Protein backbone atom coordinates (compact mmCIF):
# COMPACT_ATOMS: atom_id res chain seq x y z
CA UNK A 1 127.58 79.29 20.48
CA UNK A 2 128.20 76.03 22.04
CA UNK A 3 127.97 76.00 25.98
CA UNK A 4 130.93 77.07 28.42
CA UNK A 5 132.98 79.35 25.22
CA UNK A 6 133.20 80.55 22.02
CA UNK A 7 132.77 79.15 18.48
CA UNK A 8 134.96 76.42 17.43
CA UNK A 9 138.03 77.82 14.91
CA UNK A 10 137.59 76.66 11.40
CA UNK A 11 140.64 75.25 11.14
CA UNK A 12 142.42 73.76 14.35
CA UNK A 13 138.38 73.31 16.09
CA UNK A 14 139.53 74.77 19.08
CA UNK A 15 137.05 77.16 21.09
CA UNK A 16 137.33 80.91 20.02
CA UNK A 17 137.19 83.51 22.37
CA UNK A 18 136.08 87.22 21.80
CA UNK A 19 139.26 88.65 21.64
CA UNK A 20 140.85 86.34 19.32
CA UNK A 21 138.26 85.63 16.58
CA UNK A 22 138.45 86.55 13.20
CA UNK A 23 134.87 86.00 11.03
CA UNK A 24 135.07 84.79 7.85
CA UNK A 25 132.09 83.19 5.74
CA UNK A 26 130.33 82.98 8.30
CA UNK A 27 132.76 80.59 10.66
CA UNK A 28 135.12 81.55 13.14
CA UNK A 29 138.72 81.38 13.41
CA UNK A 30 141.71 82.24 16.15
CA UNK A 31 144.03 85.11 14.42
CA UNK A 32 146.55 82.56 14.22
CA UNK A 33 144.79 79.87 12.73
CA UNK A 34 143.70 82.56 10.05
CA UNK A 35 146.30 81.72 6.91
CA UNK A 36 146.12 80.25 3.68
CA UNK A 37 145.97 76.80 3.63
CA UNK A 38 148.80 76.44 1.19
CA UNK A 39 151.49 78.54 2.33
CA UNK A 40 150.40 79.87 5.49
CA UNK A 41 150.72 83.52 4.69
CA UNK A 42 148.33 85.30 7.04
CA UNK A 43 145.58 86.68 5.71
CA UNK A 44 142.89 88.89 6.13
CA UNK A 45 139.60 90.32 4.63
CA UNK A 46 141.15 91.80 2.25
CA UNK A 47 143.51 88.82 0.65
CA UNK A 48 141.40 85.91 1.81
CA UNK A 49 139.74 83.41 -0.83
CA UNK A 50 137.13 80.71 0.09
CA UNK A 51 136.65 77.33 -1.50
CA UNK A 52 134.32 74.97 0.18
CA UNK A 53 135.57 75.12 3.96
CA UNK A 54 139.05 76.14 3.12
CA UNK A 55 140.73 79.47 2.90
CA UNK A 56 143.38 80.56 0.72
CA UNK A 57 145.79 84.20 0.30
CA UNK A 58 144.74 84.73 -4.00
CA UNK A 59 147.85 83.76 -5.37
CA UNK A 60 147.90 80.44 -3.75
CA UNK A 61 143.53 80.25 -4.99
CA UNK A 62 144.65 81.41 -9.34
CA UNK A 63 146.85 78.95 -8.81
CA UNK A 64 145.31 75.61 -7.68
CA UNK A 65 141.15 76.66 -8.78
CA UNK A 66 142.27 79.34 -11.54
CA UNK A 67 141.91 78.86 -15.27
CA UNK A 68 144.70 76.44 -16.87
CA UNK A 69 147.01 76.21 -20.16
CA UNK A 70 149.13 78.70 -22.02
CA UNK A 71 149.08 82.12 -21.63
CA UNK A 72 147.64 81.55 -17.48
CA UNK A 73 150.19 82.79 -15.48
CA UNK A 74 153.38 81.14 -17.00
CA UNK A 75 154.45 85.32 -17.68
CA UNK A 76 156.34 86.34 -20.35
CA UNK A 77 156.02 82.80 -22.73
CA UNK A 78 157.74 80.41 -20.47
CA UNK A 79 155.98 76.86 -19.54
CA UNK A 80 156.13 75.62 -16.55
CA UNK A 81 155.77 71.97 -15.85
CA UNK A 82 154.75 72.17 -12.02
CA UNK A 83 151.86 70.23 -12.41
CA UNK A 84 150.28 71.27 -8.98
CA UNK A 85 151.43 68.74 -6.28
CA UNK A 86 152.84 70.85 -3.80
CA UNK A 87 149.12 72.62 -4.13
CA UNK A 88 146.96 68.94 -3.09
CA UNK A 89 146.19 68.80 -6.60
CA UNK A 90 145.61 65.19 -8.11
CA UNK A 91 146.30 64.39 -11.70
CA UNK A 92 144.86 60.32 -12.68
CA UNK A 93 147.57 58.67 -14.62
C-alpha cells in the first residue's frame, strides 16, 4: 500500500480507497472502473475474464481470445465477415 492512501486502480491508476475497492487477480479496482475493456459492461466475480493485465466480460473475451474458424461462435451456419477490428485485433497484410 503506497504512502497516503490505498492501492492504485488497475485501470485509471488513481488511489483506490477501502470503501470502493474491488479485488481481482491481486489488483485493486474502483467499482466504476471494474468494466470490460471492450464493451464497458460492469463486471463482478462471476462475469470477469482476465488476460494479462486486462479484464473482459466472458463474451468479449471469447470473441477476442477464443477459437477462430468455421463452427466457432458463428451460430446456425452463418458466416461472419467480422475480423475483430472492433476488439483491437490487428491482422497482417
